[in-house]
Amino acid sequence: MSKVHILSGTPEGEYQVVFHIGTPTSGTSIAGLTWVQAVAAAGFRTATAMVEGTNPWQITAAEKTSLAAGTIVEVTETINLANQTAAVVNGVLDARWLTLRDEVATAVRGALRFFGMVRA
């Protein structure tokens, strides 16, 4: 499963980049849901900007299933990659993915902390 997909860009080097980040697996919401259950039930970042297929710019059926199941979330950003070598681009994308991994964990835990809680 791919962590990063680079899609279309502009002549100025601004590219749409899709990141697939694993949902946190430790802890639960206040309602006792795992984060995966909460992400799936809430539809939190489970939609894709990609077309399904087997090409590098497409989301595979397995990735799409993982999104729907809540085991990964999708983040799309525009990143300037103008005049960069492949090695530099790889470094930029790897660093951004690591940062997003932490940001996504914080976002999931914050946005879905009370998801599913009920009061009688």
Protein backbone atom coordinates (compact mmCIF):
# COMPACT_ATOMS: atom_id res chain seq x y z
CA MET A 1 0.00 0.00 0.00
CA SER A 2 1.41 3.38 -0.99
CA LYS A 3 1.92 6.10 1.60
CA VAL A 4 2.14 8.93 -0.92
CA HIS A 5 0.72 9.55 -4.39
CA ILE A 6 1.70 12.56 -6.50
CA LEU A 7 -1.12 13.66 -8.79
CA SER A 8 -1.38 16.59 -11.18
CA GLY A 9 0.59 19.79 -10.91
CA THR A 10 0.82 23.28 -12.31
CA PRO A 11 3.51 24.68 -14.61
CA GLU A 12 4.89 26.42 -11.50
CA GLY A 13 5.54 23.07 -9.82
CA GLU A 14 2.62 23.00 -7.36
CA TYR A 15 1.50 19.38 -7.13
CA GLN A 16 -1.52 17.75 -5.54
CA VAL A 17 -0.12 15.11 -3.19
CA VAL A 18 -2.25 12.47 -1.49
CA PHE A 19 -0.99 10.95 1.76
CA HIS A 20 -2.37 7.78 3.34
CA ILE A 21 -1.80 7.71 7.08
CA GLY A 22 -2.55 4.89 9.50
CA THR A 23 -5.24 5.56 12.09
CA PRO A 24 -4.01 5.44 15.71
CA THR A 25 -4.37 1.96 17.16
CA SER A 26 -3.80 2.69 20.83
CA GLY A 27 -6.52 4.13 23.03
CA THR A 28 -10.23 4.67 22.60
CA SER A 29 -12.79 7.45 22.49
CA ILE A 30 -14.71 8.42 25.62
CA ALA A 31 -17.51 6.20 24.28
CA GLY A 32 -15.15 3.22 24.23
CA LEU A 33 -14.74 3.02 20.46
CA THR A 34 -11.33 2.24 19.03
CA TRP A 35 -10.03 5.07 16.89
CA VAL A 36 -10.45 2.87 13.82
CA GLN A 37 -14.12 2.27 14.70
CA ALA A 38 -14.68 5.99 15.34
CA VAL A 39 -12.95 7.05 12.09
CA ALA A 40 -15.00 4.58 10.03
CA ALA A 41 -18.32 5.38 11.71
CA ALA A 42 -17.81 9.14 11.51
CA GLY A 43 -16.42 9.06 7.98
CA PHE A 44 -13.45 11.09 9.22
CA ARG A 45 -11.18 11.65 6.19
CA THR A 46 -12.34 8.37 4.65
CA ALA A 47 -13.25 9.84 1.24
CA THR A 48 -10.67 9.77 -1.52
CA ALA A 49 -9.63 12.34 -4.10
CA MET A 50 -8.32 9.54 -6.27
CA VAL A 51 -9.80 7.36 -8.98
CA GLU A 52 -9.71 3.64 -8.27
CA GLY A 53 -7.30 1.57 -10.34
CA THR A 54 -3.88 -0.03 -10.38
CA ASN A 55 -1.76 2.80 -11.78
CA PRO A 56 0.54 4.80 -9.47
CA TRP A 57 -1.78 7.84 -9.59
CA GLN A 58 -4.83 5.76 -8.65
CA ILE A 59 -6.05 4.30 -5.38
CA THR A 60 -6.07 0.52 -5.28
CA ALA A 61 -9.14 -1.43 -4.20
CA ALA A 62 -7.25 -2.49 -1.05
CA GLU A 63 -6.42 1.13 -0.16
CA LYS A 64 -10.02 2.19 -0.78
CA THR A 65 -11.23 -0.65 1.46
CA SER A 66 -8.79 0.44 4.17
CA LEU A 67 -10.12 4.01 3.95
CA ALA A 68 -13.72 2.84 4.31
CA ALA A 69 -12.75 0.58 7.21
CA GLY A 70 -11.06 3.48 9.01
CA THR A 71 -7.64 1.85 9.21
CA ILE A 72 -6.12 4.68 7.15
CA VAL A 73 -7.14 8.27 6.51
CA GLU A 74 -6.42 10.42 3.48
CA VAL A 75 -4.88 13.87 3.52
CA THR A 76 -4.48 15.88 0.31
CA GLU A 77 -2.11 18.81 0.13
CA THR A 78 -0.57 21.04 -2.51
CA ILE A 79 3.21 20.98 -2.31
CA ASN A 80 5.69 22.99 -4.35
CA LEU A 81 8.16 20.60 -5.95
CA ALA A 82 9.51 23.00 -8.59
CA ASN A 83 13.05 22.38 -9.78
CA GLN A 84 13.66 19.51 -7.35
CA THR A 85 15.44 16.25 -8.01
CA ALA A 86 13.71 12.93 -7.32
CA ALA A 87 15.94 12.44 -4.26
CA VAL A 88 14.94 15.81 -2.80
CA VAL A 89 11.26 15.17 -3.55
CA ASN A 90 11.49 11.79 -1.78
CA GLY A 91 12.99 13.50 1.27
CA VAL A 92 10.36 16.23 1.28
CA LEU A 93 7.50 13.72 0.98
CA ASP A 94 8.91 11.38 3.63
CA ALA A 95 9.37 14.25 6.09
CA ARG A 96 5.86 15.56 5.42
CA TRP A 97 4.37 12.08 5.83
CA LEU A 98 6.05 11.71 9.24
CA THR A 99 4.73 15.09 10.34
CA LEU A 100 1.24 14.26 9.08
CA ARG A 101 1.30 10.95 10.93
CA ASP A 102 1.57 12.85 14.21
CA GLU A 103 -0.90 15.55 13.13
CA VAL A 104 -3.47 12.96 12.06
CA ALA A 105 -3.19 11.10 15.37
CA THR A 106 -3.79 14.36 17.24
CA ALA A 107 -6.67 15.31 14.91
CA VAL A 108 -8.38 11.93 15.25
CA ARG A 109 -8.12 11.93 19.04
CA GLY A 110 -9.34 15.52 19.26
CA ALA A 111 -12.15 15.45 16.70
CA LEU A 112 -13.54 12.06 17.70
CA ARG A 113 -12.90 12.09 21.44
CA PHE A 114 -16.61 12.12 22.29
CA PHE A 115 -17.88 10.46 19.10
CA GLY A 116 -20.55 7.86 19.90
CA MET A 117 -21.18 9.03 23.45
CA VAL A 118 -24.81 9.00 24.56
CA ARG A 119 -26.68 10.14 27.68
CA ALA A 120 -29.89 8.59 28.86
